[in-house]
Amino acid sequence: MLRDEKYGASTVEVFRRERFMKGPRGAPCSRLLKRKLLDAWKQPGDVMVFGYTAEETDRLEDFRERFPDRPVIAPLIDRGLSKSDCKAMVERAGLVLPLMYRLGYDNANCIGCVKGGEGYWRAIAQDFPEEFEELCQVQDEIGEGAYLFRDRKTGIRYSLRDLPPGPVRRNEAIPSCSFFCDIAEQEYSA
C-alpha cells in the first residue's frame, strides 16, 4: 500500500504548504499525492491499469493518443462495464459502496474536491460541515488566490464562505482525479 509521507496523505496539508488549491494546470493534490508517489514506485515495463468505465472510452483514447509509448489497459472498458455495473457488482459482492456514492454523489473523490462546482460545494457544506469549514480556513490563510469561484458578471473571485445561495447538487459531474490528468499536468509543465 502506497501512502504519501511528506504531506501525511492530506489534501488540506498540500493546499496549506503549496499555498494554492487549484490552478490552470489542475490541483496540486493530484500531482503530489498520486502522480509523484507513483513515479517513485513504478518500475520499467509497468503497465498502467485504468479503472475507466464504458462511459469513459474517450478518456482512454485521448490518453493513448497523447502518450502512445505508455502501456495502459482498461479492463472495465474492455468488458463494457459502466459505472452503474461496477457499483452493482460491489454491492452484490457484499461490499459497502464508499460513503460519497451512498449519499448520492457521482464520484467518490476526496470530501470537498476542489474540482467541484457551486452546487457540489453547497452539498458538501450540508453533508460535511467540518470539512467544509476546514477548507474555508485554508482559503482564509492563503487568501484570494485560493478562491475556487468567480462571479460571472463582475469577474471578482469569492471564497467558499461567500458561496451564493442556489441549488444543492450531489450528482454534479466532477472531473475525475485520474492518472491521465496527472500525466497531462506533468507533460504540460515540462
C-alpha atoms as a PDB file:
ATOM      1  CA  MET A   1       0.000   0.000   0.000  1.00  0.00           C
ATOM      2  CA  LEU A   2       1.415   3.368  -1.028  1.00  0.00           C
ATOM      3  CA  ARG A   3       0.921   6.448   1.080  1.00  0.00           C
ATOM      4  CA  ASP A   4       2.421   9.912   0.831  1.00  0.00           C
ATOM      5  CA  GLU A   5       4.558  10.762   3.842  1.00  0.00           C
ATOM      6  CA  LYS A   6       5.576  14.343   3.078  1.00  0.00           C
ATOM      7  CA  TYR A   7       2.015  15.707   3.340  1.00  0.00           C
ATOM      8  CA  GLY A   8       0.549  12.990   5.542  1.00  0.00           C
ATOM      9  CA  ALA A   9      -1.636  11.951   2.586  1.00  0.00           C
ATOM     10  CA  SER A  10      -3.712  15.067   3.290  1.00  0.00           C
ATOM     11  CA  THR A  11      -5.093  17.328   0.570  1.00  0.00           C
ATOM     12  CA  VAL A  12      -5.534  20.080   3.157  1.00  0.00           C
ATOM     13  CA  GLU A  13      -1.866  19.860   4.100  1.00  0.00           C
ATOM     14  CA  VAL A  14      -0.922  20.062   0.402  1.00  0.00           C
ATOM     15  CA  PHE A  15      -3.041  23.199  -0.006  1.00  0.00           C
ATOM     16  CA  ARG A  16      -1.546  24.824   3.090  1.00  0.00           C
ATOM     17  CA  ARG A  17       2.052  24.057   2.256  1.00  0.00           C
ATOM     18  CA  GLU A  18       1.851  24.665  -1.500  1.00  0.00           C
ATOM     19  CA  ARG A  19      -0.227  27.841  -0.954  1.00  0.00           C
ATOM     20  CA  PHE A  20      -2.851  27.134  -3.606  1.00  0.00           C
ATOM     21  CA  MET A  21      -5.824  24.824  -4.133  1.00  0.00           C
ATOM     22  CA  LYS A  22      -6.421  24.782  -7.877  1.00  0.00           C
ATOM     23  CA  GLY A  23      -4.738  26.379 -10.839  1.00  0.00           C
ATOM     24  CA  PRO A  24      -4.802  26.356 -14.642  1.00  0.00           C
ATOM     25  CA  ARG A  25      -2.965  23.031 -14.648  1.00  0.00           C
ATOM     26  CA  GLY A  26      -5.146  21.354 -12.055  1.00  0.00           C
ATOM     27  CA  ALA A  27      -4.973  20.736  -8.357  1.00  0.00           C
ATOM     28  CA  PRO A  28      -1.677  20.213  -6.523  1.00  0.00           C
ATOM     29  CA  CYS A  29      -3.159  17.317  -4.542  1.00  0.00           C
ATOM     30  CA  SER A  30      -3.392  15.128  -7.659  1.00  0.00           C
ATOM     31  CA  ARG A  31       0.203  15.761  -8.623  1.00  0.00           C
ATOM     32  CA  LEU A  32       1.736  15.475  -5.160  1.00  0.00           C
ATOM     33  CA  LEU A  33      -0.372  12.776  -3.520  1.00  0.00           C
ATOM     34  CA  LYS A  34      -0.739  10.470  -6.513  1.00  0.00           C
ATOM     35  CA  ARG A  35       1.465  11.113  -9.512  1.00  0.00           C
ATOM     36  CA  LYS A  36       4.686  11.895  -7.640  1.00  0.00           C
ATOM     37  CA  LEU A  37       4.129   8.918  -5.355  1.00  0.00           C
ATOM     38  CA  LEU A  38       3.549   6.546  -8.260  1.00  0.00           C
ATOM     39  CA  ASP A  39       6.540   7.912 -10.188  1.00  0.00           C
ATOM     40  CA  ALA A  40       8.808   6.987  -7.280  1.00  0.00           C
ATOM     41  CA  TRP A  41       7.348   3.488  -7.079  1.00  0.00           C
ATOM     42  CA  LYS A  42       6.889   2.422 -10.711  1.00  0.00           C
ATOM     43  CA  GLN A  43       9.296   0.085 -12.481  1.00  0.00           C
ATOM     44  CA  PRO A  44      10.354  -0.035 -16.155  1.00  0.00           C
ATOM     45  CA  GLY A  45       7.895  -2.089 -18.171  1.00  0.00           C
ATOM     46  CA  ASP A  46       4.982  -1.495 -15.795  1.00  0.00           C
ATOM     47  CA  VAL A  47       1.567  -1.413 -17.425  1.00  0.00           C
ATOM     48  CA  MET A  48      -0.907   1.105 -16.082  1.00  0.00           C
ATOM     49  CA  VAL A  49      -4.352  -0.291 -15.298  1.00  0.00           C
ATOM     50  CA  PHE A  50      -7.043   2.376 -15.505  1.00  0.00           C
ATOM     51  CA  GLY A  51     -10.407   1.999 -13.822  1.00  0.00           C
ATOM     52  CA  TYR A  52     -12.152   3.837 -16.631  1.00  0.00           C
ATOM     53  CA  THR A  53     -15.679   2.600 -17.219  1.00  0.00           C
ATOM     54  CA  ALA A  54     -17.522   2.142 -20.529  1.00  0.00           C
ATOM     55  CA  GLU A  55     -18.681   5.788 -20.379  1.00  0.00           C
ATOM     56  CA  GLU A  56     -15.048   6.917 -20.376  1.00  0.00           C
ATOM     57  CA  THR A  57     -13.779   5.365 -23.603  1.00  0.00           C
ATOM     58  CA  ASP A  58     -12.926   8.828 -24.907  1.00  0.00           C
ATOM     59  CA  ARG A  59     -10.608   9.432 -21.945  1.00  0.00           C
ATOM     60  CA  LEU A  60      -8.726   6.215 -22.679  1.00  0.00           C
ATOM     61  CA  GLU A  61      -8.433   7.022 -26.390  1.00  0.00           C
ATOM     62  CA  ASP A  62      -7.230  10.528 -25.574  1.00  0.00           C
ATOM     63  CA  PHE A  63      -4.594   9.156 -23.209  1.00  0.00           C
ATOM     64  CA  ARG A  64      -3.356   6.653 -25.794  1.00  0.00           C
ATOM     65  CA  GLU A  65      -3.125   9.371 -28.455  1.00  0.00           C
ATOM     66  CA  ARG A  66      -1.158  11.675 -26.187  1.00  0.00           C
ATOM     67  CA  PHE A  67       1.132   9.006 -24.725  1.00  0.00           C
ATOM     68  CA  PRO A  68       1.479   6.154 -27.252  1.00  0.00           C
ATOM     69  CA  ASP A  69       4.640   4.900 -25.523  1.00  0.00           C
ATOM     70  CA  ARG A  70       2.924   4.345 -22.147  1.00  0.00           C
ATOM     71  CA  PRO A  71       1.392   0.885 -21.860  1.00  0.00           C
ATOM     72  CA  VAL A  72      -2.124   1.030 -20.469  1.00  0.00           C
ATOM     73  CA  ILE A  73      -5.098  -1.290 -20.160  1.00  0.00           C
ATOM     74  CA  ALA A  74      -8.679  -0.564 -19.115  1.00  0.00           C
ATOM     75  CA  PRO A  75     -10.366  -3.860 -18.222  1.00  0.00           C
ATOM     76  CA  LEU A  76     -13.722  -2.271 -17.361  1.00  0.00           C
ATOM     77  CA  ILE A  77     -13.961  -0.710 -20.813  1.00  0.00           C
ATOM     78  CA  ASP A  78     -12.783  -3.961 -22.414  1.00  0.00           C
ATOM     79  CA  ARG A  79     -15.699  -5.726 -20.738  1.00  0.00           C
ATOM     80  CA  GLY A  80     -18.211  -2.945 -21.474  1.00  0.00           C
ATOM     81  CA  LEU A  81     -18.840  -2.265 -17.781  1.00  0.00           C
ATOM     82  CA  SER A  82     -20.479   1.028 -16.816  1.00  0.00           C
ATOM     83  CA  LYS A  83     -20.106   2.820 -13.502  1.00  0.00           C
ATOM     84  CA  SER A  84     -23.560   1.510 -12.523  1.00  0.00           C
ATOM     85  CA  ASP A  85     -22.483  -2.032 -13.415  1.00  0.00           C
ATOM     86  CA  CYS A  86     -19.418  -1.690 -11.207  1.00  0.00           C
ATOM     87  CA  LYS A  87     -21.392  -0.318  -8.254  1.00  0.00           C
ATOM     88  CA  ALA A  88     -23.890  -3.176  -8.584  1.00  0.00           C
ATOM     89  CA  MET A  89     -21.065  -5.735  -8.646  1.00  0.00           C
ATOM     90  CA  VAL A  90     -19.574  -4.233  -5.489  1.00  0.00           C
ATOM     91  CA  GLU A  91     -22.926  -4.405  -3.720  1.00  0.00           C
ATOM     92  CA  ARG A  92     -23.610  -7.987  -4.927  1.00  0.00           C
ATOM     93  CA  ALA A  93     -20.224  -8.975  -3.507  1.00  0.00           C
ATOM     94  CA  GLY A  94     -21.463  -7.813  -0.101  1.00  0.00           C
ATOM     95  CA  LEU A  95     -19.196  -4.777  -0.003  1.00  0.00           C
ATOM     96  CA  VAL A  96     -20.364  -1.347   1.058  1.00  0.00           C
ATOM     97  CA  LEU A  97     -20.068   1.416  -1.513  1.00  0.00           C
ATOM     98  CA  PRO A  98     -17.984   4.429  -0.474  1.00  0.00           C
ATOM     99  CA  LEU A  99     -19.929   6.973   1.561  1.00  0.00           C
ATOM    100  CA  MET A 100     -19.910   9.575  -1.205  1.00  0.00           C
ATOM    101  CA  TYR A 101     -21.778   7.215  -3.551  1.00  0.00           C
ATOM    102  CA  ARG A 102     -24.225   6.257  -0.799  1.00  0.00           C
ATOM    103  CA  LEU A 103     -25.003   9.949  -0.292  1.00  0.00           C
ATOM    104  CA  GLY A 104     -25.747  10.394  -3.998  1.00  0.00           C
ATOM    105  CA  TYR A 105     -22.516  11.965  -5.234  1.00  0.00           C
ATOM    106  CA  ASP A 106     -21.355  10.907  -8.712  1.00  0.00           C
ATOM    107  CA  ASN A 107     -17.745  10.446  -7.646  1.00  0.00           C
ATOM    108  CA  ALA A 108     -16.035   9.119  -4.553  1.00  0.00           C
ATOM    109  CA  ASN A 109     -13.337  11.782  -4.673  1.00  0.00           C
ATOM    110  CA  CYS A 110     -11.956  13.442  -1.585  1.00  0.00           C
ATOM    111  CA  ILE A 111     -14.603  15.073   0.557  1.00  0.00           C
ATOM    112  CA  GLY A 112     -14.507  18.596  -0.723  1.00  0.00           C
ATOM    113  CA  CYS A 113     -12.859  18.097  -4.131  1.00  0.00           C
ATOM    114  CA  VAL A 114     -11.609  21.447  -5.412  1.00  0.00           C
ATOM    115  CA  LYS A 115     -12.786  20.493  -8.904  1.00  0.00           C
ATOM    116  CA  GLY A 116     -16.444  20.620  -7.815  1.00  0.00           C
ATOM    117  CA  GLY A 117     -18.842  23.387  -8.762  1.00  0.00           C
ATOM    118  CA  GLU A 118     -21.007  25.609  -6.607  1.00  0.00           C
ATOM    119  CA  GLY A 119     -23.868  23.100  -6.248  1.00  0.00           C
ATOM    120  CA  TYR A 120     -21.422  20.407  -5.162  1.00  0.00           C
ATOM    121  CA  TRP A 121     -19.912  22.742  -2.540  1.00  0.00           C
ATOM    122  CA  ARG A 122     -23.363  23.604  -1.197  1.00  0.00           C
ATOM    123  CA  ALA A 123     -23.929  19.860  -0.720  1.00  0.00           C
ATOM    124  CA  ILE A 124     -20.536  19.462   0.981  1.00  0.00           C
ATOM    125  CA  ALA A 125     -21.426  22.316   3.344  1.00  0.00           C
ATOM    126  CA  GLN A 126     -24.615  20.448   4.300  1.00  0.00           C
ATOM    127  CA  ASP A 127     -23.212  16.918   4.471  1.00  0.00           C
ATOM    128  CA  PHE A 128     -19.721  17.620   5.807  1.00  0.00           C
ATOM    129  CA  PRO A 129     -19.747  20.959   7.651  1.00  0.00           C
ATOM    130  CA  GLU A 130     -16.429  20.294   9.434  1.00  0.00           C
ATOM    131  CA  GLU A 131     -14.567  19.504   6.209  1.00  0.00           C
ATOM    132  CA  PHE A 132     -16.201  22.491   4.525  1.00  0.00           C
ATOM    133  CA  GLU A 133     -15.080  24.784   7.362  1.00  0.00           C
ATOM    134  CA  GLU A 134     -11.547  23.375   7.247  1.00  0.00           C
ATOM    135  CA  LEU A 135     -11.267  24.279   3.560  1.00  0.00           C
ATOM    136  CA  CYS A 136     -12.742  27.715   4.275  1.00  0.00           C
ATOM    137  CA  GLN A 137      -9.978  28.197   6.850  1.00  0.00           C
ATOM    138  CA  VAL A 138      -7.353  27.195   4.289  1.00  0.00           C
ATOM    139  CA  GLN A 139      -8.764  29.796   1.897  1.00  0.00           C
ATOM    140  CA  ASP A 140      -8.670  32.369   4.716  1.00  0.00           C
ATOM    141  CA  GLU A 141      -4.991  31.552   5.335  1.00  0.00           C
ATOM    142  CA  ILE A 142      -3.926  31.594   1.674  1.00  0.00           C
ATOM    143  CA  GLY A 143      -6.149  34.413   0.506  1.00  0.00           C
ATOM    144  CA  GLU A 144      -7.852  35.248  -2.759  1.00  0.00           C
ATOM    145  CA  GLY A 145      -5.525  33.038  -4.816  1.00  0.00           C
ATOM    146  CA  ALA A 146      -7.173  30.007  -3.221  1.00  0.00           C
ATOM    147  CA  TYR A 147     -10.718  31.033  -4.121  1.00  0.00           C
ATOM    148  CA  LEU A 148     -12.356  28.464  -6.388  1.00  0.00           C
ATOM    149  CA  PHE A 149     -15.090  30.597  -7.951  1.00  0.00           C
ATOM    150  CA  ARG A 150     -15.503  33.848  -9.806  1.00  0.00           C
ATOM    151  CA  ASP A 151     -18.614  35.998 -10.205  1.00  0.00           C
ATOM    152  CA  ARG A 152     -19.564  35.657 -13.870  1.00  0.00           C
ATOM    153  CA  LYS A 153     -20.751  39.252 -14.162  1.00  0.00           C
ATOM    154  CA  THR A 154     -18.041  41.109 -12.253  1.00  0.00           C
ATOM    155  CA  GLY A 155     -15.127  38.680 -12.597  1.00  0.00           C
ATOM    156  CA  ILE A 156     -14.447  39.023  -8.867  1.00  0.00           C
ATOM    157  CA  ARG A 157     -13.292  35.850  -7.151  1.00  0.00           C
ATOM    158  CA  TYR A 158     -15.013  34.715  -3.953  1.00  0.00           C
ATOM    159  CA  SER A 159     -14.375  32.231  -1.184  1.00  0.00           C
ATOM    160  CA  LEU A 160     -16.387  29.221  -0.156  1.00  0.00           C
ATOM    161  CA  ARG A 161     -17.659  31.280   2.786  1.00  0.00           C
ATOM    162  CA  ASP A 162     -19.271  33.648   0.253  1.00  0.00           C
ATOM    163  CA  LEU A 163     -20.870  30.921  -1.831  1.00  0.00           C
ATOM    164  CA  PRO A 164     -24.162  32.394  -3.053  1.00  0.00           C
ATOM    165  CA  PRO A 165     -27.460  30.616  -2.418  1.00  0.00           C
ATOM    166  CA  GLY A 166     -28.535  28.190  -5.086  1.00  0.00           C
ATOM    167  CA  PRO A 167     -29.270  24.559  -5.826  1.00  0.00           C
ATOM    168  CA  VAL A 168     -27.525  21.785  -3.940  1.00  0.00           C
ATOM    169  CA  ARG A 169     -26.101  19.092  -6.217  1.00  0.00           C
ATOM    170  CA  ARG A 170     -24.790  15.734  -5.175  1.00  0.00           C
ATOM    171  CA  ASN A 171     -24.826  14.340  -8.701  1.00  0.00           C
ATOM    172  CA  GLU A 172     -22.724  17.070 -10.293  1.00  0.00           C
ATOM    173  CA  ALA A 173     -20.203  15.694 -12.747  1.00  0.00           C
ATOM    174  CA  ILE A 174     -16.735  16.431 -11.402  1.00  0.00           C
ATOM    175  CA  PRO A 175     -13.653  15.665 -13.427  1.00  0.00           C
ATOM    176  CA  SER A 176     -12.108  12.525 -12.031  1.00  0.00           C
ATOM    177  CA  CYS A 177      -8.740  12.745 -10.396  1.00  0.00           C
ATOM    178  CA  SER A 178      -7.189  10.303 -12.771  1.00  0.00           C
ATOM    179  CA  PHE A 179      -3.776   9.153 -13.730  1.00  0.00           C
ATOM    180  CA  PHE A 180      -4.369  10.859 -17.087  1.00  0.00           C
ATOM    181  CA  CYS A 181      -4.930  14.290 -15.535  1.00  0.00           C
ATOM    182  CA  ASP A 182      -1.767  13.901 -13.510  1.00  0.00           C
ATOM    183  CA  ILE A 183       0.317  12.858 -16.504  1.00  0.00           C
ATOM    184  CA  ALA A 184      -1.152  15.617 -18.662  1.00  0.00           C
ATOM    185  CA  GLU A 185      -0.309  18.108 -15.917  1.00  0.00           C
ATOM    186  CA  GLN A 186       3.239  16.818 -15.723  1.00  0.00           C
ATOM    187  CA  GLU A 187       3.681  16.931 -19.502  1.00  0.00           C
ATOM    188  CA  TYR A 188       2.170  20.427 -19.704  1.00  0.00           C
ATOM    189  CA  SER A 189       4.514  21.825 -17.051  1.00  0.00           C
ATOM    190  CA  ALA A 190       7.610  20.240 -18.622  1.00  0.00           C
END
